[in-house]
C-alpha atoms as a PDB file:
ATOM      1  CA  MET A   1       9.854   9.877   3.672  1.00  0.00           C
ATOM      2  CA  ILE A   2       6.567   8.609   2.034  1.00  0.00           C
ATOM      3  CA  LYS A   3       4.568   6.469   4.541  1.00  0.00           C
ATOM      4  CA  ILE A   4       2.560   3.578   3.200  1.00  0.00           C
ATOM      5  CA  LEU A   5      -0.146   1.510   5.026  1.00  0.00           C
ATOM      6  CA  ALA A   6      -0.643  -1.882   3.913  1.00  0.00           C
ATOM      7  CA  ALA A   7      -3.495  -4.238   5.097  1.00  0.00           C
ATOM      8  CA  CYS A   8      -4.958  -7.736   4.782  1.00  0.00           C
ATOM      9  CA  GLY A   9      -7.462  -9.702   6.586  1.00  0.00           C
ATOM     10  CA  ALA A  10      -5.427 -11.128   9.262  1.00  0.00           C
ATOM     11  CA  GLY A  11      -2.398  -8.463   9.125  1.00  0.00           C
ATOM     12  CA  ILE A  12       0.024 -11.129   9.238  1.00  0.00           C
ATOM     13  CA  ASN A  13       1.233 -12.903   6.090  1.00  0.00           C
ATOM     14  CA  SER A  14      -0.274 -10.833   2.915  1.00  0.00           C
ATOM     15  CA  SER A  15       0.080  -7.244   4.444  1.00  0.00           C
ATOM     16  CA  HIS A  16       3.808  -8.102   5.201  1.00  0.00           C
ATOM     17  CA  GLN A  17       4.507  -9.483   1.760  1.00  0.00           C
ATOM     18  CA  ILE A  18       2.858  -6.530   0.389  1.00  0.00           C
ATOM     19  CA  LYS A  19       4.726  -4.138   2.612  1.00  0.00           C
ATOM     20  CA  ASP A  20       8.121  -5.858   1.842  1.00  0.00           C
ATOM     21  CA  ALA A  21       7.600  -5.702  -2.013  1.00  0.00           C
ATOM     22  CA  ILE A  22       6.703  -2.239  -2.169  1.00  0.00           C
ATOM     23  CA  GLU A  23       9.648  -1.047   0.091  1.00  0.00           C
ATOM     24  CA  GLU A  24      12.002  -3.213  -2.100  1.00  0.00           C
ATOM     25  CA  GLU A  25      10.404  -2.048  -5.537  1.00  0.00           C
ATOM     26  CA  MET A  26       9.896   1.699  -4.810  1.00  0.00           C
ATOM     27  CA  LYS A  27      13.635   1.836  -3.322  1.00  0.00           C
ATOM     28  CA  LYS A  28      14.778   0.472  -6.807  1.00  0.00           C
ATOM     29  CA  ARG A  29      12.490   3.260  -8.384  1.00  0.00           C
ATOM     30  CA  GLY A  30      14.431   5.720  -6.279  1.00  0.00           C
ATOM     31  CA  TYR A  31      11.727   6.606  -3.850  1.00  0.00           C
ATOM     32  CA  GLN A  32      12.001   6.653  -0.048  1.00  0.00           C
ATOM     33  CA  VAL A  33       9.180   4.799   1.456  1.00  0.00           C
ATOM     34  CA  THR A  34       8.054   3.186   4.570  1.00  0.00           C
ATOM     35  CA  ALA A  35       5.410   0.780   4.947  1.00  0.00           C
ATOM     36  CA  ASP A  36       3.493  -0.465   7.657  1.00  0.00           C
ATOM     37  CA  ALA A  37       1.229  -3.745   7.903  1.00  0.00           C
ATOM     38  CA  VAL A  38      -2.131  -4.083   9.862  1.00  0.00           C
ATOM     39  CA  MET A  39      -5.101  -6.206  10.060  1.00  0.00           C
ATOM     40  CA  ILE A  40      -8.072  -4.484   7.780  1.00  0.00           C
ATOM     41  CA  LYS A  41     -10.461  -4.588  10.835  1.00  0.00           C
ATOM     42  CA  ASP A  42      -7.992  -2.387  12.642  1.00  0.00           C
ATOM     43  CA  ILE A  43      -8.521   0.388  10.016  1.00  0.00           C
ATOM     44  CA  THR A  44      -9.715   3.651  11.411  1.00  0.00           C
ATOM     45  CA  GLU A  45      -9.879   7.172  10.049  1.00  0.00           C
ATOM     46  CA  GLU A  46      -7.345   8.352  12.599  1.00  0.00           C
ATOM     47  CA  LEU A  47      -4.914   5.555  11.677  1.00  0.00           C
ATOM     48  CA  VAL A  48      -5.176   6.070   7.926  1.00  0.00           C
ATOM     49  CA  SER A  49      -4.823  10.072   8.171  1.00  0.00           C
ATOM     50  CA  LYS A  50      -1.104   9.201   9.583  1.00  0.00           C
ATOM     51  CA  TYR A  51      -0.113   7.634   5.969  1.00  0.00           C
ATOM     52  CA  ASP A  52       0.356   9.180   2.566  1.00  0.00           C
ATOM     53  CA  VAL A  53      -0.752   5.844   0.456  1.00  0.00           C
ATOM     54  CA  PHE A  54      -3.229   2.834   1.430  1.00  0.00           C
ATOM     55  CA  THR A  55      -2.344  -0.355  -0.286  1.00  0.00           C
ATOM     56  CA  PRO A  56      -5.050  -3.010   0.940  1.00  0.00           C
ATOM     57  CA  ILE A  57      -4.933  -6.375  -0.781  1.00  0.00           C
ATOM     58  CA  SER A  58      -8.573  -5.290  -1.999  1.00  0.00           C
ATOM     59  CA  LYS A  59     -10.399  -2.317  -1.550  1.00  0.00           C
ATOM     60  CA  PRO A  60     -12.423  -2.387   1.833  1.00  0.00           C
ATOM     61  CA  ASP A  61     -15.797  -1.073   2.543  1.00  0.00           C
ATOM     62  CA  CYS A  62     -15.005   1.071   5.401  1.00  0.00           C
ATOM     63  CA  SER A  63     -17.770   3.144   7.628  1.00  0.00           C
ATOM     64  CA  PHE A  64     -15.416   6.629   6.763  1.00  0.00           C
ATOM     65  CA  GLU A  65     -14.214   8.110   3.579  1.00  0.00           C
ATOM     66  CA  ILE A  66     -10.490   7.257   3.040  1.00  0.00           C
ATOM     67  CA  LYS A  67      -8.958  10.647   2.089  1.00  0.00           C
ATOM     68  CA  ILE A  68      -5.607   9.315   0.899  1.00  0.00           C
ATOM     69  CA  PRO A  69      -4.889   7.783  -2.532  1.00  0.00           C
ATOM     70  CA  ILE A  70      -5.621   4.105  -2.397  1.00  0.00           C
ATOM     71  CA  VAL A  71      -3.786   1.355  -4.650  1.00  0.00           C
ATOM     72  CA  GLU A  72      -5.044  -2.268  -4.403  1.00  0.00           C
ATOM     73  CA  ALA A  73      -1.973  -4.209  -4.065  1.00  0.00           C
ATOM     74  CA  GLY A  74      -3.355  -7.859  -4.190  1.00  0.00           C
ATOM     75  CA  PRO A  75      -1.650  -8.839  -7.680  1.00  0.00           C
ATOM     76  CA  ILE A  76       1.667  -8.185  -5.800  1.00  0.00           C
ATOM     77  CA  LEU A  77       1.107 -11.309  -4.047  1.00  0.00           C
ATOM     78  CA  TYR A  78       1.659 -13.612  -7.093  1.00  0.00           C
ATOM     79  CA  ARG A  79       5.156 -12.572  -7.506  1.00  0.00           C
ATOM     80  CA  MET A  80       4.651 -12.403 -11.389  1.00  0.00           C
ATOM     81  CA  PRO A  81       5.974  -8.992 -13.010  1.00  0.00           C
ATOM     82  CA  MET A  82       3.074  -9.358 -15.442  1.00  0.00           C
ATOM     83  CA  MET A  83       0.636  -9.143 -12.426  1.00  0.00           C
ATOM     84  CA  SER A  84       2.730  -6.647  -9.998  1.00  0.00           C
ATOM     85  CA  LYS A  85       4.222  -4.225 -12.326  1.00  0.00           C
ATOM     86  CA  PRO A  86       1.015  -2.493 -13.062  1.00  0.00           C
ATOM     87  CA  VAL A  87       0.482  -2.168  -9.423  1.00  0.00           C
ATOM     88  CA  PHE A  88       3.977  -0.801  -8.733  1.00  0.00           C
ATOM     89  CA  ASP A  89       3.293   1.406 -11.595  1.00  0.00           C
ATOM     90  CA  GLU A  90       0.422   2.855 -10.342  1.00  0.00           C
ATOM     91  CA  LEU A  91       1.682   3.213  -6.964  1.00  0.00           C
ATOM     92  CA  GLU A  92       4.751   5.083  -8.661  1.00  0.00           C
ATOM     93  CA  ILE A  93       2.029   7.529 -10.234  1.00  0.00           C
ATOM     94  CA  VAL A  94       0.736   8.198  -7.200  1.00  0.00           C
ATOM     95  CA  LEU A  95       3.979   9.005  -5.536  1.00  0.00           C
ATOM     96  CA  LYS A  96       4.984  11.480  -8.107  1.00  0.00           C
ATOM     97  CA  LYS A  97       1.676  13.075  -7.373  1.00  0.00           C
ATOM     98  CA  LEU A  98       2.438  13.318  -3.763  1.00  0.00           C
ATOM     99  CA  ASN A  99       5.565  15.419  -4.656  1.00  0.00           C
ATOM    100  CA  LYS A 100       7.580  14.468  -1.564  1.00  0.00           C
END
């Protein structure tokens, strides 16, 4: 199972939409993923280390180096295939490289 961390400013709406969309789309593409949604302010090095991929709404400025792949997932929120497909495609490339 591939673990994905989604994050947005409040951790209430956007990150959950990203989480749900990623789980649905990656399942359609044949991947077993699970995603969690959190507030960007709650991101710690320890938390991130428990995941395989980080999908924030936009790239955060953390006080530490994020050592897992980051895929900026904000365009998923527009619910337009021409905007979300490139994000899903990039995420799929990352998942293939994980080889899980």
